[in-house]
């Protein structure tokens, strides 16, 4: 049997500035999307700050989840 040496995959472990900017944009846009959805749901249901706050916290949780997922992919 022949021995196969492990070759490096060629992926850069260093993050490019555009990848970091993309992560930041994803973080901010996910929070903004949930907040806007909560705002319009509040307007429709006439419950002033309830759904806006729920949207903010859900967006924040989703943003951190995606940020942690991205960090684990780059380990």
N, C-alpha and C. Protein backbone atom coordinates (compact mmCIF):
# COMPACT_ATOMS: atom_id res chain seq x y z
N UNK A 1 0.83 -1.19 0.00
CA UNK A 1 0.00 0.00 0.00
C UNK A 1 0.87 1.24 0.00
N UNK A 2 0.42 2.23 -0.69
CA UNK A 2 1.20 3.47 -0.76
C UNK A 2 0.72 4.45 0.30
N UNK A 3 1.67 5.22 0.78
CA UNK A 3 1.33 6.22 1.79
C UNK A 3 1.02 7.53 1.07
N UNK A 4 -0.06 8.13 1.49
CA UNK A 4 -0.43 9.42 0.91
C UNK A 4 -0.13 10.50 1.93
N UNK A 5 0.64 11.48 1.50
CA UNK A 5 0.94 12.58 2.41
C UNK A 5 -0.20 13.58 2.37
N UNK A 6 -0.45 14.15 3.51
CA UNK A 6 -1.53 15.14 3.58
C UNK A 6 -1.03 16.45 3.00
N UNK A 7 -1.80 16.97 2.09
CA UNK A 7 -1.45 18.23 1.45
C UNK A 7 -2.30 19.34 2.05
N UNK A 8 -1.72 20.51 2.19
CA UNK A 8 -2.53 21.62 2.68
C UNK A 8 -3.63 21.95 1.68
N UNK A 9 -4.76 22.34 2.17
CA UNK A 9 -5.91 22.57 1.30
C UNK A 9 -5.76 23.84 0.47
N UNK A 10 -4.85 24.69 0.81
CA UNK A 10 -4.64 25.91 0.04
C UNK A 10 -5.53 27.06 0.49
N UNK A 11 -6.37 26.82 1.48
CA UNK A 11 -7.22 27.89 1.98
C UNK A 11 -6.40 28.83 2.86
N UNK A 12 -6.71 30.10 2.76
CA UNK A 12 -6.04 31.07 3.62
C UNK A 12 -6.78 31.13 4.94
N UNK A 13 -6.03 31.02 6.03
CA UNK A 13 -6.65 31.13 7.34
C UNK A 13 -6.84 32.60 7.71
N UNK A 14 -6.22 33.47 6.97
CA UNK A 14 -6.32 34.90 7.24
C UNK A 14 -7.59 35.45 6.61
N UNK A 15 -8.33 36.26 7.35
CA UNK A 15 -9.56 36.84 6.84
C UNK A 15 -9.25 38.07 6.00
N UNK A 16 -9.89 38.17 4.86
CA UNK A 16 -9.71 39.35 4.02
C UNK A 16 -10.60 40.48 4.56
N UNK A 17 -10.25 41.70 4.26
CA UNK A 17 -11.07 42.83 4.73
C UNK A 17 -12.51 42.78 4.19
N UNK A 18 -12.68 42.28 2.97
CA UNK A 18 -14.03 42.21 2.42
C UNK A 18 -14.87 41.15 3.14
N UNK A 19 -14.25 40.05 3.56
CA UNK A 19 -14.99 39.03 4.31
C UNK A 19 -15.42 39.59 5.66
N UNK A 20 -14.56 40.36 6.29
CA UNK A 20 -14.92 40.97 7.57
C UNK A 20 -16.02 42.01 7.38
N UNK A 21 -15.95 42.78 6.30
CA UNK A 21 -17.00 43.75 6.02
C UNK A 21 -18.32 43.05 5.74
N UNK A 22 -18.26 41.91 5.08
CA UNK A 22 -19.47 41.14 4.82
C UNK A 22 -20.09 40.62 6.10
N UNK A 23 -19.26 40.20 7.04
CA UNK A 23 -19.77 39.73 8.34
C UNK A 23 -20.42 40.88 9.10
N UNK A 24 -19.82 42.05 9.05
CA UNK A 24 -20.40 43.22 9.70
C UNK A 24 -21.71 43.64 9.08
N UNK A 25 -21.77 43.59 7.76
CA UNK A 25 -23.00 43.94 7.06
C UNK A 25 -24.11 42.94 7.39
N UNK A 26 -23.75 41.66 7.46
CA UNK A 26 -24.74 40.64 7.81
C UNK A 26 -25.25 40.85 9.22
N UNK A 27 -24.36 41.22 10.14
CA UNK A 27 -24.74 41.47 11.53
C UNK A 27 -25.75 42.61 11.62
N UNK A 28 -25.42 43.73 10.99
CA UNK A 28 -26.27 44.92 11.07
C UNK A 28 -27.58 44.71 10.30
N UNK A 29 -27.51 44.10 9.13
CA UNK A 29 -28.71 43.95 8.31
C UNK A 29 -29.70 42.97 8.93
N UNK A 30 -29.23 41.94 9.61
CA UNK A 30 -30.17 41.02 10.23
C UNK A 30 -30.92 41.69 11.38
N UNK A 31 -30.23 42.51 12.15
CA UNK A 31 -30.91 43.24 13.22
C UNK A 31 -31.90 44.23 12.62
N UNK A 32 -31.48 44.95 11.60
CA UNK A 32 -32.35 45.95 10.97
C UNK A 32 -33.58 45.31 10.35
N UNK A 33 -33.42 44.16 9.73
CA UNK A 33 -34.55 43.48 9.11
C UNK A 33 -35.60 43.08 10.15
N UNK A 34 -35.17 42.52 11.26
CA UNK A 34 -36.11 42.13 12.31
C UNK A 34 -36.75 43.36 12.97
N UNK A 35 -36.01 44.44 13.13
CA UNK A 35 -36.56 45.65 13.74
C UNK A 35 -37.62 46.27 12.83
N UNK A 36 -37.34 46.33 11.54
CA UNK A 36 -38.32 46.90 10.59
C UNK A 36 -39.57 46.03 10.55
N UNK A 37 -39.37 44.71 10.56
CA UNK A 37 -40.53 43.82 10.59
C UNK A 37 -41.35 44.02 11.85
N UNK A 38 -40.70 44.18 12.98
CA UNK A 38 -41.40 44.45 14.24
C UNK A 38 -42.11 45.78 14.24
N UNK A 39 -41.51 46.78 13.60
CA UNK A 39 -42.14 48.10 13.50
C UNK A 39 -43.45 48.02 12.72
N UNK A 40 -43.41 47.36 11.58
CA UNK A 40 -44.62 47.25 10.77
C UNK A 40 -45.67 46.35 11.42
N UNK A 41 -45.23 45.34 12.15
CA UNK A 41 -46.17 44.50 12.88
C UNK A 41 -46.82 45.28 14.01
N UNK A 42 -46.07 46.15 14.67
CA UNK A 42 -46.64 47.03 15.69
C UNK A 42 -47.65 47.98 15.09
N UNK A 43 -47.35 48.52 13.94
CA UNK A 43 -48.26 49.45 13.29
C UNK A 43 -49.56 48.75 12.90
N UNK A 44 -49.44 47.51 12.44
CA UNK A 44 -50.62 46.74 12.03
C UNK A 44 -51.47 46.32 13.22
N UNK A 45 -50.82 45.88 14.29
CA UNK A 45 -51.55 45.35 15.45
C UNK A 45 -51.81 46.41 16.52
N UNK A 46 -51.31 47.62 16.35
CA UNK A 46 -51.46 48.72 17.30
C UNK A 46 -50.92 48.37 18.69
N UNK A 47 -49.78 47.69 18.72
CA UNK A 47 -49.09 47.39 19.98
C UNK A 47 -47.74 48.10 19.90
N UNK A 48 -47.69 49.31 20.41
CA UNK A 48 -46.59 50.25 20.16
C UNK A 48 -45.17 49.67 20.24
N UNK A 49 -44.58 49.39 21.37
CA UNK A 49 -43.18 48.97 21.28
C UNK A 49 -42.95 47.46 21.35
N UNK A 50 -44.00 46.67 21.49
CA UNK A 50 -43.84 45.24 21.78
C UNK A 50 -43.08 44.50 20.67
N UNK A 51 -43.61 44.51 19.47
CA UNK A 51 -43.00 43.72 18.39
C UNK A 51 -41.70 44.31 17.90
N UNK A 52 -41.53 45.62 18.05
CA UNK A 52 -40.25 46.23 17.70
C UNK A 52 -39.15 45.70 18.62
N UNK A 53 -39.43 45.61 19.91
CA UNK A 53 -38.45 45.08 20.86
C UNK A 53 -38.21 43.59 20.65
N UNK A 54 -39.28 42.85 20.39
CA UNK A 54 -39.13 41.43 20.11
C UNK A 54 -38.29 41.24 18.85
N UNK A 55 -38.54 42.04 17.83
CA UNK A 55 -37.76 41.97 16.60
C UNK A 55 -36.30 42.31 16.83
N UNK A 56 -36.05 43.30 17.68
CA UNK A 56 -34.66 43.66 17.98
C UNK A 56 -33.92 42.51 18.63
N UNK A 57 -34.54 41.91 19.64
CA UNK A 57 -33.87 40.82 20.35
C UNK A 57 -33.72 39.57 19.47
N UNK A 58 -34.73 39.26 18.67
CA UNK A 58 -34.59 38.13 17.75
C UNK A 58 -33.51 38.38 16.71
N UNK A 59 -33.46 39.61 16.20
CA UNK A 59 -32.41 39.96 15.24
C UNK A 59 -31.03 39.89 15.86
N UNK A 60 -30.91 40.31 17.10
CA UNK A 60 -29.63 40.26 17.81
C UNK A 60 -29.19 38.82 18.03
N UNK A 61 -30.13 37.97 18.42
CA UNK A 61 -29.81 36.55 18.63
C UNK A 61 -29.40 35.91 17.31
N UNK A 62 -30.14 36.19 16.25
CA UNK A 62 -29.81 35.62 14.94
C UNK A 62 -28.45 36.13 14.45
N UNK A 63 -28.16 37.40 14.68
CA UNK A 63 -26.88 37.98 14.25
C UNK A 63 -25.71 37.32 14.98
N UNK A 64 -25.83 37.11 16.28
CA UNK A 64 -24.76 36.45 17.02
C UNK A 64 -24.62 34.99 16.63
N UNK A 65 -25.75 34.33 16.35
CA UNK A 65 -25.70 32.95 15.89
C UNK A 65 -24.92 32.84 14.58
N UNK A 66 -25.22 33.72 13.63
CA UNK A 66 -24.52 33.66 12.35
C UNK A 66 -23.05 34.05 12.49
N UNK A 67 -22.74 34.96 13.41
CA UNK A 67 -21.36 35.35 13.64
C UNK A 67 -20.56 34.20 14.26
N UNK A 68 -21.15 33.50 15.21
CA UNK A 68 -20.48 32.36 15.83
C UNK A 68 -20.32 31.23 14.83
N UNK A 69 -21.32 31.01 14.01
CA UNK A 69 -21.24 29.97 12.97
C UNK A 69 -20.11 30.26 12.00
N UNK A 70 -19.98 31.52 11.61
CA UNK A 70 -18.89 31.92 10.71
C UNK A 70 -17.53 31.74 11.36
N UNK A 71 -17.44 32.05 12.64
CA UNK A 71 -16.16 31.91 13.35
C UNK A 71 -15.76 30.45 13.46
N UNK A 72 -16.72 29.56 13.70
CA UNK A 72 -16.40 28.14 13.80
C UNK A 72 -16.00 27.56 12.45
N UNK A 73 -16.54 28.08 11.36
CA UNK A 73 -16.15 27.61 10.03
C UNK A 73 -14.71 27.98 9.72
N UNK A 74 -14.22 29.05 10.30
CA UNK A 74 -12.87 29.53 9.99
C UNK A 74 -11.82 29.02 10.96
N UNK A 75 -12.16 28.11 11.84
CA UNK A 75 -11.16 27.57 12.78
C UNK A 75 -10.21 26.64 12.09
